[in-house]
Amino acid sequence: MTEFNFTSIFFAVLFVALPVVFVSLVLGIPQYFLSKNKNRWFGLILPTLSFIYATGVSLSGFVSGLYWIGIIQFSISNIITIILLTIYWYVKKQNMKKSEIRKMTIEDLE
């Protein structure tokens, strides 16, 4: 039986965290610009693709009969989806505030 010590836990977290951070940075920049578009569907393209990918990755665990591995894979893979959706909601909230300020400015000018 293997023992879990600090080193093994550190490397396990490192191998999960580094790809998530890297992919989030790489996808976060285009996600920001897609979310700034007036059409809301453009901002949902990358989160949708990320969710489909997470579902496909987790199917290997479910197909093999190890359901808990599938659940863990699904949870870890969807971290990127959550980050992309957070970027989407943040940008949309900023856009809504800017449009409200524009409307108030137009009303003040009239």
Protein backbone atom coordinates (compact mmCIF):
# COMPACT_ATOMS: atom_id res chain seq x y z
CA MET A 1 0.00 0.00 0.00
CA THR A 2 1.33 3.40 -0.89
CA GLU A 3 1.73 6.13 1.65
CA PHE A 4 0.71 9.66 0.99
CA ASN A 5 3.24 12.16 2.11
CA PHE A 6 3.69 15.84 1.44
CA THR A 7 5.79 15.27 -1.69
CA SER A 8 3.28 13.01 -3.41
CA ILE A 9 0.39 15.34 -2.56
CA PHE A 10 2.40 18.33 -3.77
CA PHE A 11 3.13 16.71 -7.13
CA ALA A 12 -0.46 15.53 -7.51
CA VAL A 13 -1.74 19.06 -6.96
CA LEU A 14 1.00 20.44 -9.20
CA PHE A 15 0.03 18.18 -12.08
CA VAL A 16 -3.61 19.21 -11.75
CA ALA A 17 -3.15 22.91 -10.97
CA LEU A 18 -0.55 23.82 -13.58
CA PRO A 19 -2.55 22.62 -16.60
CA VAL A 20 -5.70 24.28 -15.26
CA VAL A 21 -3.89 27.59 -14.76
CA PHE A 22 -2.16 27.37 -18.14
CA VAL A 23 -5.33 26.51 -20.06
CA SER A 24 -7.28 29.18 -18.18
CA LEU A 25 -4.73 31.82 -19.15
CA VAL A 26 -4.59 30.68 -22.76
CA LEU A 27 -8.39 30.53 -23.10
CA GLY A 28 -9.10 33.47 -20.81
CA ILE A 29 -7.81 36.09 -23.21
CA PRO A 30 -10.00 35.09 -26.17
CA GLN A 31 -12.88 34.52 -23.74
CA TYR A 32 -12.60 38.12 -22.57
CA PHE A 33 -12.79 39.48 -26.12
CA LEU A 34 -15.60 37.10 -27.13
CA SER A 35 -17.58 38.15 -24.07
CA LYS A 36 -17.22 41.84 -24.96
CA ASN A 37 -19.23 41.25 -28.14
CA LYS A 38 -22.82 42.51 -28.07
CA ASN A 39 -24.08 39.10 -29.12
CA ARG A 40 -24.15 37.06 -25.92
CA TRP A 41 -23.72 33.74 -27.73
CA PHE A 42 -20.14 34.52 -28.71
CA GLY A 43 -19.15 34.60 -25.04
CA LEU A 44 -20.65 31.18 -24.45
CA ILE A 45 -18.71 29.36 -27.19
CA LEU A 46 -15.60 28.49 -25.14
CA PRO A 47 -17.47 27.51 -21.94
CA THR A 48 -19.71 25.22 -24.01
CA LEU A 49 -16.74 23.58 -25.72
CA SER A 50 -15.02 23.20 -22.35
CA PHE A 51 -18.10 21.53 -20.87
CA ILE A 52 -18.35 19.14 -23.82
CA TYR A 53 -14.67 18.28 -23.40
CA ALA A 54 -15.15 17.68 -19.65
CA THR A 55 -18.06 15.38 -20.37
CA GLY A 56 -16.03 13.42 -22.91
CA VAL A 57 -13.07 13.07 -20.54
CA SER A 58 -15.23 11.85 -17.69
CA LEU A 59 -16.98 9.25 -19.84
CA SER A 60 -13.86 7.08 -19.74
CA GLY A 61 -14.28 6.72 -15.99
CA PHE A 62 -17.97 5.94 -16.26
CA VAL A 63 -17.52 3.45 -19.11
CA SER A 64 -14.84 1.54 -17.22
CA GLY A 65 -17.24 1.15 -14.29
CA LEU A 66 -15.24 3.33 -11.91
CA TYR A 67 -17.89 5.94 -11.29
CA TRP A 68 -15.96 7.85 -8.65
CA ILE A 69 -13.08 8.36 -11.11
CA GLY A 70 -15.56 9.71 -13.66
CA ILE A 71 -16.99 12.11 -11.10
CA ILE A 72 -13.52 13.33 -10.10
CA GLN A 73 -12.50 13.75 -13.75
CA PHE A 74 -15.70 15.64 -14.50
CA SER A 75 -15.20 17.93 -11.49
CA ILE A 76 -11.56 18.72 -12.26
CA SER A 77 -12.20 19.22 -15.97
CA ASN A 78 -15.02 21.67 -15.27
CA ILE A 79 -12.79 24.00 -13.27
CA ILE A 80 -11.84 25.60 -16.58
CA THR A 81 -15.52 25.87 -17.56
CA ILE A 82 -16.27 27.68 -14.30
CA ILE A 83 -13.37 30.08 -14.86
CA LEU A 84 -14.54 30.84 -18.41
CA LEU A 85 -18.13 31.41 -17.23
CA THR A 86 -16.84 33.72 -14.49
CA ILE A 87 -15.00 35.80 -17.11
CA TYR A 88 -18.18 35.86 -19.22
CA TRP A 89 -20.40 37.04 -16.35
CA TYR A 90 -17.86 39.64 -15.21
CA VAL A 91 -17.55 41.18 -18.69
CA LYS A 92 -21.33 41.13 -19.23
CA LYS A 93 -21.85 42.85 -15.88
CA GLN A 94 -19.34 45.56 -16.87
CA ASN A 95 -21.09 46.01 -20.22
CA MET A 96 -24.47 46.35 -18.49
CA LYS A 97 -23.10 49.04 -16.16
CA LYS A 98 -21.61 50.95 -19.10
CA SER A 99 -24.87 50.80 -21.05
CA GLU A 100 -26.83 52.04 -18.03
CA ILE A 101 -24.41 54.95 -17.63
CA ARG A 102 -24.80 55.77 -21.34
CA LYS A 103 -28.59 55.72 -21.00
CA MET A 104 -28.43 57.99 -17.95
CA THR A 105 -26.10 60.38 -19.80
CA ILE A 106 -28.45 60.51 -22.79
CA GLU A 107 -31.42 61.16 -20.49
CA ASP A 108 -29.50 63.97 -18.74
CA LEU A 109 -28.72 65.61 -22.07
CA GLU A 110 -32.38 65.68 -23.08
